[in-house]
Amino acid sequence: MARSSALARVPLIGETHAPVGAIVNMLLRIAILVMSVDAIVNSSDQRFAGKALAPRDVIISFGFAMLFPLLWRLRYRKRQWAEYPWWFDSLYLSLFAFDMAGNSLGLYNAYTGTFNDITHTYGNGALMIVLAGAFGFTTLEAMGIATMLHLILQVEEYYGEVFLKTHNIVGMEGEYEQFVGGLIAVTVCGIAWYASSDWRAKRAKRLRTPTR
């Protein structure tokens, strides 16, 4: 708790909309674009072969990567861009950058199964914090949404294997390990978020109180 309080007082990272957060955000977006080009140009490379990464990376670079600013702007129409939560957006982008780096650096092939577990665990915890911090969801809501989205991803990977003959899973035991890792990450991050008043103080305001 003392450490998080000390970090919150650092001018460059103490605010979610600090200017340095915008720089980190742009660097992550550039990295995602560069790794997308790598996957497209070198699609036959052993790092990418059989994973159908080219279309997926295009969707990530020009779709999912832009989803956060779009949703934030639609949700908080009266808020100025000067208040934009760069650090939460960067945490969101890190989910994709981490996964894409695993392919570009050949880590998924070098550490079959293990690196999958790491990215799925990290991704779920990070997404839970993004949902709670940037969009004002309660801790339980953020935990639930992150878990449901992870389940959808697992289903997509499995049926992509069945119908598109991709090679993104390492067996059902691996899928089970990834799902359990995601649940653990969501639980740990949920507890940490709920316990930290400094973190929760940065949460975006809810637009209205739910009626049920």
C-alpha atoms as a PDB file:
ATOM      1  CA  MET A   1       0.000   0.000   0.000  1.00  0.00           C
ATOM      2  CA  ALA A   2       2.852   2.384   0.878  1.00  0.00           C
ATOM      3  CA  ARG A   3       4.513   1.673  -2.456  1.00  0.00           C
ATOM      4  CA  SER A   4       1.364   2.391  -4.461  1.00  0.00           C
ATOM      5  CA  SER A   5       0.871   5.638  -2.520  1.00  0.00           C
ATOM      6  CA  ALA A   6       4.427   6.704  -3.310  1.00  0.00           C
ATOM      7  CA  LEU A   7       3.984   5.964  -7.026  1.00  0.00           C
ATOM      8  CA  ALA A   8       0.751   7.948  -7.085  1.00  0.00           C
ATOM      9  CA  ARG A   9       2.700  11.049  -6.054  1.00  0.00           C
ATOM     10  CA  VAL A  10       5.111  10.841  -9.001  1.00  0.00           C
ATOM     11  CA  PRO A  11       4.000  13.601 -11.445  1.00  0.00           C
ATOM     12  CA  LEU A  12       4.583  11.586 -14.607  1.00  0.00           C
ATOM     13  CA  ILE A  13       2.581   8.529 -13.590  1.00  0.00           C
ATOM     14  CA  GLY A  14       0.412   9.759 -10.733  1.00  0.00           C
ATOM     15  CA  GLU A  15      -2.447  10.698 -13.083  1.00  0.00           C
ATOM     16  CA  THR A  16      -4.030   8.353 -15.588  1.00  0.00           C
ATOM     17  CA  HIS A  17      -4.003  11.149 -18.172  1.00  0.00           C
ATOM     18  CA  ALA A  18      -0.352  12.210 -17.587  1.00  0.00           C
ATOM     19  CA  PRO A  19       1.452  13.258 -20.828  1.00  0.00           C
ATOM     20  CA  VAL A  20       4.063  10.503 -20.522  1.00  0.00           C
ATOM     21  CA  GLY A  21       1.181   8.017 -20.656  1.00  0.00           C
ATOM     22  CA  ALA A  22       0.350   9.335 -24.128  1.00  0.00           C
ATOM     23  CA  ILE A  23       3.944   8.714 -25.242  1.00  0.00           C
ATOM     24  CA  VAL A  24       3.871   5.137 -23.953  1.00  0.00           C
ATOM     25  CA  ASN A  25       0.521   4.700 -25.677  1.00  0.00           C
ATOM     26  CA  MET A  26       1.879   5.833 -29.032  1.00  0.00           C
ATOM     27  CA  LEU A  27       4.925   3.571 -28.684  1.00  0.00           C
ATOM     28  CA  LEU A  28       2.683   0.591 -28.022  1.00  0.00           C
ATOM     29  CA  ARG A  29       0.549   1.412 -31.047  1.00  0.00           C
ATOM     30  CA  ILE A  30       3.647   1.659 -33.234  1.00  0.00           C
ATOM     31  CA  ALA A  31       4.941  -1.659 -31.882  1.00  0.00           C
ATOM     32  CA  ILE A  32       1.592  -3.336 -32.619  1.00  0.00           C
ATOM     33  CA  LEU A  33       1.621  -1.973 -36.167  1.00  0.00           C
ATOM     34  CA  VAL A  34       5.227  -3.078 -36.773  1.00  0.00           C
ATOM     35  CA  MET A  35       4.526  -6.595 -35.482  1.00  0.00           C
ATOM     36  CA  SER A  36       1.395  -6.765 -37.644  1.00  0.00           C
ATOM     37  CA  VAL A  37       3.435  -5.912 -40.735  1.00  0.00           C
ATOM     38  CA  ASP A  38       5.981  -8.550 -39.709  1.00  0.00           C
ATOM     39  CA  ALA A  39       3.247 -11.200 -39.483  1.00  0.00           C
ATOM     40  CA  ILE A  40       1.807 -10.197 -42.866  1.00  0.00           C
ATOM     41  CA  VAL A  41       5.093  -9.938 -44.770  1.00  0.00           C
ATOM     42  CA  ASN A  42       6.574 -13.083 -43.231  1.00  0.00           C
ATOM     43  CA  SER A  43       3.387 -15.142 -42.981  1.00  0.00           C
ATOM     44  CA  SER A  44       5.189 -18.308 -44.127  1.00  0.00           C
ATOM     45  CA  ASP A  45       7.841 -17.945 -41.436  1.00  0.00           C
ATOM     46  CA  GLN A  46       7.877 -20.718 -38.834  1.00  0.00           C
ATOM     47  CA  ARG A  47       6.944 -18.172 -36.165  1.00  0.00           C
ATOM     48  CA  PHE A  48       3.593 -17.494 -37.841  1.00  0.00           C
ATOM     49  CA  ALA A  49       2.888 -20.577 -39.957  1.00  0.00           C
ATOM     50  CA  GLY A  50      -0.547 -22.137 -39.463  1.00  0.00           C
ATOM     51  CA  LYS A  51      -1.816 -19.445 -37.098  1.00  0.00           C
ATOM     52  CA  ALA A  52      -3.725 -17.214 -39.550  1.00  0.00           C
ATOM     53  CA  LEU A  53      -2.147 -14.197 -37.858  1.00  0.00           C
ATOM     54  CA  ALA A  54      -2.185 -11.783 -40.818  1.00  0.00           C
ATOM     55  CA  PRO A  55      -5.962 -11.112 -40.824  1.00  0.00           C
ATOM     56  CA  ARG A  56      -6.118 -11.288 -37.031  1.00  0.00           C
ATOM     57  CA  ASP A  57      -3.331  -8.740 -36.628  1.00  0.00           C
ATOM     58  CA  VAL A  58      -4.988  -6.387 -39.119  1.00  0.00           C
ATOM     59  CA  ILE A  59      -8.189  -6.593 -37.059  1.00  0.00           C
ATOM     60  CA  ILE A  60      -6.203  -5.889 -33.892  1.00  0.00           C
ATOM     61  CA  SER A  61      -4.239  -2.963 -35.350  1.00  0.00           C
ATOM     62  CA  PHE A  62      -7.185  -1.188 -36.963  1.00  0.00           C
ATOM     63  CA  GLY A  63     -10.060  -2.568 -34.912  1.00  0.00           C
ATOM     64  CA  PHE A  64      -9.467  -3.654 -31.334  1.00  0.00           C
ATOM     65  CA  ALA A  65      -6.642  -1.163 -30.791  1.00  0.00           C
ATOM     66  CA  MET A  66      -9.035   1.671 -31.634  1.00  0.00           C
ATOM     67  CA  LEU A  67     -11.917   0.236 -29.621  1.00  0.00           C
ATOM     68  CA  PHE A  68     -10.811   1.740 -26.306  1.00  0.00           C
ATOM     69  CA  PRO A  69     -10.713   5.409 -27.428  1.00  0.00           C
ATOM     70  CA  LEU A  70     -13.980   4.926 -29.339  1.00  0.00           C
ATOM     71  CA  LEU A  71     -15.829   3.447 -26.361  1.00  0.00           C
ATOM     72  CA  TRP A  72     -14.370   6.013 -23.983  1.00  0.00           C
ATOM     73  CA  ARG A  73     -15.429   8.879 -26.215  1.00  0.00           C
ATOM     74  CA  LEU A  74     -18.942   7.488 -26.671  1.00  0.00           C
ATOM     75  CA  ARG A  75     -19.344   6.825 -22.961  1.00  0.00           C
ATOM     76  CA  TYR A  76     -18.019  10.176 -21.759  1.00  0.00           C
ATOM     77  CA  ARG A  77     -19.083  12.586 -24.489  1.00  0.00           C
ATOM     78  CA  LYS A  78     -18.754  15.670 -22.299  1.00  0.00           C
ATOM     79  CA  ARG A  79     -15.272  14.804 -21.088  1.00  0.00           C
ATOM     80  CA  GLN A  80     -12.275  16.510 -22.708  1.00  0.00           C
ATOM     81  CA  TRP A  81      -9.478  14.549 -24.374  1.00  0.00           C
ATOM     82  CA  ALA A  82      -7.158  16.194 -21.852  1.00  0.00           C
ATOM     83  CA  GLU A  83      -8.719  13.801 -19.330  1.00  0.00           C
ATOM     84  CA  TYR A  84      -8.180  10.741 -21.501  1.00  0.00           C
ATOM     85  CA  PRO A  85      -6.941   7.783 -19.371  1.00  0.00           C
ATOM     86  CA  TRP A  86      -3.747   7.099 -21.285  1.00  0.00           C
ATOM     87  CA  TRP A  87      -2.378   4.632 -18.739  1.00  0.00           C
ATOM     88  CA  PHE A  88      -5.505   2.495 -18.778  1.00  0.00           C
ATOM     89  CA  ASP A  89      -5.476   2.537 -22.584  1.00  0.00           C
ATOM     90  CA  SER A  90      -1.801   1.542 -22.538  1.00  0.00           C
ATOM     91  CA  LEU A  91      -2.569  -1.327 -20.189  1.00  0.00           C
ATOM     92  CA  TYR A  92      -5.297  -2.399 -22.627  1.00  0.00           C
ATOM     93  CA  LEU A  93      -2.910  -2.206 -25.593  1.00  0.00           C
ATOM     94  CA  SER A  94      -0.298  -4.203 -23.685  1.00  0.00           C
ATOM     95  CA  LEU A  95      -2.590  -7.252 -23.902  1.00  0.00           C
ATOM     96  CA  PHE A  96      -2.202  -7.288 -27.690  1.00  0.00           C
ATOM     97  CA  ALA A  97       1.434  -6.166 -27.739  1.00  0.00           C
ATOM     98  CA  PHE A  98       2.448  -8.942 -25.328  1.00  0.00           C
ATOM     99  CA  ASP A  99       0.651 -11.596 -27.358  1.00  0.00           C
ATOM    100  CA  MET A 100       2.016 -10.343 -30.691  1.00  0.00           C
ATOM    101  CA  ALA A 101       5.547 -10.117 -29.289  1.00  0.00           C
ATOM    102  CA  GLY A 102       5.258 -13.767 -28.310  1.00  0.00           C
ATOM    103  CA  ASN A 103       4.722 -14.653 -31.969  1.00  0.00           C
ATOM    104  CA  SER A 104       7.236 -12.197 -33.446  1.00  0.00           C
ATOM    105  CA  LEU A 105       9.964 -13.334 -31.049  1.00  0.00           C
ATOM    106  CA  GLY A 106       9.086 -16.998 -31.469  1.00  0.00           C
ATOM    107  CA  LEU A 107       8.280 -17.436 -27.770  1.00  0.00           C
ATOM    108  CA  TYR A 108       5.109 -19.439 -28.390  1.00  0.00           C
ATOM    109  CA  ASN A 109       7.141 -21.992 -30.341  1.00  0.00           C
ATOM    110  CA  ALA A 110      10.093 -21.971 -27.959  1.00  0.00           C
ATOM    111  CA  TYR A 111       7.956 -22.372 -24.845  1.00  0.00           C
ATOM    112  CA  THR A 112       4.964 -24.333 -26.115  1.00  0.00           C
ATOM    113  CA  GLY A 113       2.062 -24.124 -23.722  1.00  0.00           C
ATOM    114  CA  THR A 114       3.958 -22.219 -21.027  1.00  0.00           C
ATOM    115  CA  PHE A 115       3.990 -18.879 -22.815  1.00  0.00           C
ATOM    116  CA  ASN A 116       0.299 -19.340 -23.651  1.00  0.00           C
ATOM    117  CA  ASP A 117      -0.426 -19.687 -19.948  1.00  0.00           C
ATOM    118  CA  ILE A 118       1.530 -16.499 -19.187  1.00  0.00           C
ATOM    119  CA  THR A 119      -0.221 -14.327 -21.791  1.00  0.00           C
ATOM    120  CA  HIS A 120      -3.691 -15.560 -20.873  1.00  0.00           C
ATOM    121  CA  THR A 121      -3.038 -15.008 -17.178  1.00  0.00           C
ATOM    122  CA  TYR A 122      -1.609 -11.522 -17.696  1.00  0.00           C
ATOM    123  CA  GLY A 123      -4.304 -10.551 -20.173  1.00  0.00           C
ATOM    124  CA  ASN A 124      -7.195 -11.381 -17.893  1.00  0.00           C
ATOM    125  CA  GLY A 125      -5.774  -9.502 -14.923  1.00  0.00           C
ATOM    126  CA  ALA A 126      -4.950  -6.449 -17.021  1.00  0.00           C
ATOM    127  CA  LEU A 127      -8.374  -6.412 -18.694  1.00  0.00           C
ATOM    128  CA  MET A 128     -10.116  -6.596 -15.322  1.00  0.00           C
ATOM    129  CA  ILE A 129      -8.238  -3.484 -14.147  1.00  0.00           C
ATOM    130  CA  VAL A 130      -8.984  -1.646 -17.409  1.00  0.00           C
ATOM    131  CA  LEU A 131     -12.707  -2.345 -17.143  1.00  0.00           C
ATOM    132  CA  ALA A 132     -12.863  -1.217 -13.531  1.00  0.00           C
ATOM    133  CA  GLY A 133     -10.580   1.786 -13.895  1.00  0.00           C
ATOM    134  CA  ALA A 134     -11.425   3.269 -17.274  1.00  0.00           C
ATOM    135  CA  PHE A 135     -15.136   2.535 -17.499  1.00  0.00           C
ATOM    136  CA  GLY A 136     -16.303   2.678 -13.902  1.00  0.00           C
ATOM    137  CA  PHE A 137     -17.430  -0.922 -13.533  1.00  0.00           C
ATOM    138  CA  THR A 138     -17.539  -2.315 -10.016  1.00  0.00           C
ATOM    139  CA  THR A 139     -14.869  -4.847  -9.084  1.00  0.00           C
ATOM    140  CA  LEU A 140     -17.256  -7.805  -9.457  1.00  0.00           C
ATOM    141  CA  GLU A 141     -18.619  -6.498 -12.768  1.00  0.00           C
ATOM    142  CA  ALA A 142     -15.110  -6.087 -14.172  1.00  0.00           C
ATOM    143  CA  MET A 143     -14.121  -9.561 -12.974  1.00  0.00           C
ATOM    144  CA  GLY A 144     -17.227 -11.093 -14.561  1.00  0.00           C
ATOM    145  CA  ILE A 145     -16.883  -9.308 -17.912  1.00  0.00           C
ATOM    146  CA  ALA A 146     -13.182 -10.149 -18.188  1.00  0.00           C
ATOM    147  CA  THR A 147     -13.915 -13.818 -17.495  1.00  0.00           C
ATOM    148  CA  MET A 148     -16.739 -13.949 -20.059  1.00  0.00           C
ATOM    149  CA  LEU A 149     -14.569 -12.326 -22.736  1.00  0.00           C
ATOM    150  CA  HIS A 150     -11.808 -14.810 -21.995  1.00  0.00           C
ATOM    151  CA  LEU A 151     -14.262 -17.685 -22.390  1.00  0.00           C
ATOM    152  CA  ILE A 152     -15.324 -16.285 -25.780  1.00  0.00           C
ATOM    153  CA  LEU A 153     -11.651 -16.131 -26.813  1.00  0.00           C
ATOM    154  CA  GLN A 154     -11.127 -19.749 -25.758  1.00  0.00           C
ATOM    155  CA  VAL A 155     -14.144 -20.859 -27.788  1.00  0.00           C
ATOM    156  CA  GLU A 156     -12.951 -18.852 -30.813  1.00  0.00           C
ATOM    157  CA  GLU A 157      -9.502 -20.443 -30.627  1.00  0.00           C
ATOM    158  CA  TYR A 158     -10.950 -23.944 -30.356  1.00  0.00           C
ATOM    159  CA  TYR A 159     -13.376 -23.629 -33.281  1.00  0.00           C
ATOM    160  CA  GLY A 160     -10.737 -21.841 -35.331  1.00  0.00           C
ATOM    161  CA  GLU A 161      -8.711 -25.006 -34.879  1.00  0.00           C
ATOM    162  CA  VAL A 162     -11.657 -27.174 -35.939  1.00  0.00           C
ATOM    163  CA  PHE A 163     -12.951 -25.215 -38.929  1.00  0.00           C
ATOM    164  CA  LEU A 164     -10.027 -23.079 -40.115  1.00  0.00           C
ATOM    165  CA  LYS A 165      -7.302 -25.618 -39.305  1.00  0.00           C
ATOM    166  CA  THR A 166      -5.249 -23.066 -37.382  1.00  0.00           C
ATOM    167  CA  HIS A 167      -2.695 -24.087 -34.761  1.00  0.00           C
ATOM    168  CA  ASN A 168      -3.281 -21.729 -31.859  1.00  0.00           C
ATOM    169  CA  ILE A 169      -4.051 -24.240 -29.111  1.00  0.00           C
ATOM    170  CA  VAL A 170      -1.904 -26.954 -27.573  1.00  0.00           C
ATOM    171  CA  GLY A 171      -4.640 -29.368 -26.567  1.00  0.00           C
ATOM    172  CA  MET A 172      -7.600 -29.245 -24.226  1.00  0.00           C
ATOM    173  CA  GLU A 173      -5.381 -29.571 -21.157  1.00  0.00           C
ATOM    174  CA  GLY A 174      -3.622 -26.399 -22.262  1.00  0.00           C
ATOM    175  CA  GLU A 175      -6.968 -24.636 -22.718  1.00  0.00           C
ATOM    176  CA  TYR A 176      -7.974 -25.726 -19.226  1.00  0.00           C
ATOM    177  CA  GLU A 177      -4.714 -24.381 -17.758  1.00  0.00           C
ATOM    178  CA  GLN A 178      -5.198 -21.049 -19.537  1.00  0.00           C
ATOM    179  CA  PHE A 179      -8.743 -20.685 -18.260  1.00  0.00           C
ATOM    180  CA  VAL A 180      -7.719 -21.509 -14.692  1.00  0.00           C
ATOM    181  CA  GLY A 181      -4.807 -19.064 -14.986  1.00  0.00           C
ATOM    182  CA  GLY A 182      -7.233 -16.395 -16.167  1.00  0.00           C
ATOM    183  CA  LEU A 183      -9.553 -17.023 -13.234  1.00  0.00           C
ATOM    184  CA  ILE A 184      -6.668 -16.770 -10.783  1.00  0.00           C
ATOM    185  CA  ALA A 185      -5.443 -13.520 -12.367  1.00  0.00           C
ATOM    186  CA  VAL A 186      -8.915 -11.962 -12.325  1.00  0.00           C
ATOM    187  CA  THR A 187      -9.392 -12.938  -8.685  1.00  0.00           C
ATOM    188  CA  VAL A 188      -5.990 -11.667  -7.540  1.00  0.00           C
ATOM    189  CA  CYS A 189      -6.294  -8.395  -9.466  1.00  0.00           C
ATOM    190  CA  GLY A 190      -9.876  -7.964  -8.270  1.00  0.00           C
ATOM    191  CA  ILE A 191      -8.810  -8.304  -4.654  1.00  0.00           C
ATOM    192  CA  ALA A 192      -5.856  -5.951  -5.187  1.00  0.00           C
ATOM    193  CA  TRP A 193      -8.065  -3.377  -6.918  1.00  0.00           C
ATOM    194  CA  TYR A 194     -10.717  -3.531  -4.230  1.00  0.00           C
ATOM    195  CA  ALA A 195      -8.118  -3.246  -1.467  1.00  0.00           C
ATOM    196  CA  SER A 196      -6.311  -0.221  -2.949  1.00  0.00           C
ATOM    197  CA  SER A 197      -8.022   3.086  -2.296  1.00  0.00           C
ATOM    198  CA  ASP A 198      -5.351   4.842  -4.420  1.00  0.00           C
ATOM    199  CA  TRP A 199      -6.192   2.747  -7.473  1.00  0.00           C
ATOM    200  CA  ARG A 200      -9.936   3.029  -7.002  1.00  0.00           C
ATOM    201  CA  ALA A 201      -9.603   6.815  -6.675  1.00  0.00           C
ATOM    202  CA  LYS A 202      -8.564   6.849 -10.358  1.00  0.00           C
ATOM    203  CA  ARG A 203     -11.700   5.000 -11.455  1.00  0.00           C
ATOM    204  CA  ALA A 204     -13.857   6.776 -14.005  1.00  0.00           C
ATOM    205  CA  LYS A 205     -17.233   7.853 -12.670  1.00  0.00           C
ATOM    206  CA  ARG A 206     -20.265   5.739 -13.441  1.00  0.00           C
ATOM    207  CA  LEU A 207     -22.779   7.437 -15.698  1.00  0.00           C
ATOM    208  CA  ARG A 208     -25.724   6.203 -13.664  1.00  0.00           C
ATOM    209  CA  THR A 209     -26.523   3.829 -10.847  1.00  0.00           C
ATOM    210  CA  PRO A 210     -27.791   0.460 -12.124  1.00  0.00           C
ATOM    211  CA  THR A 211     -31.467  -0.183 -11.360  1.00  0.00           C
ATOM    212  CA  ARG A 212     -30.965  -3.925 -11.028  1.00  0.00           C
END
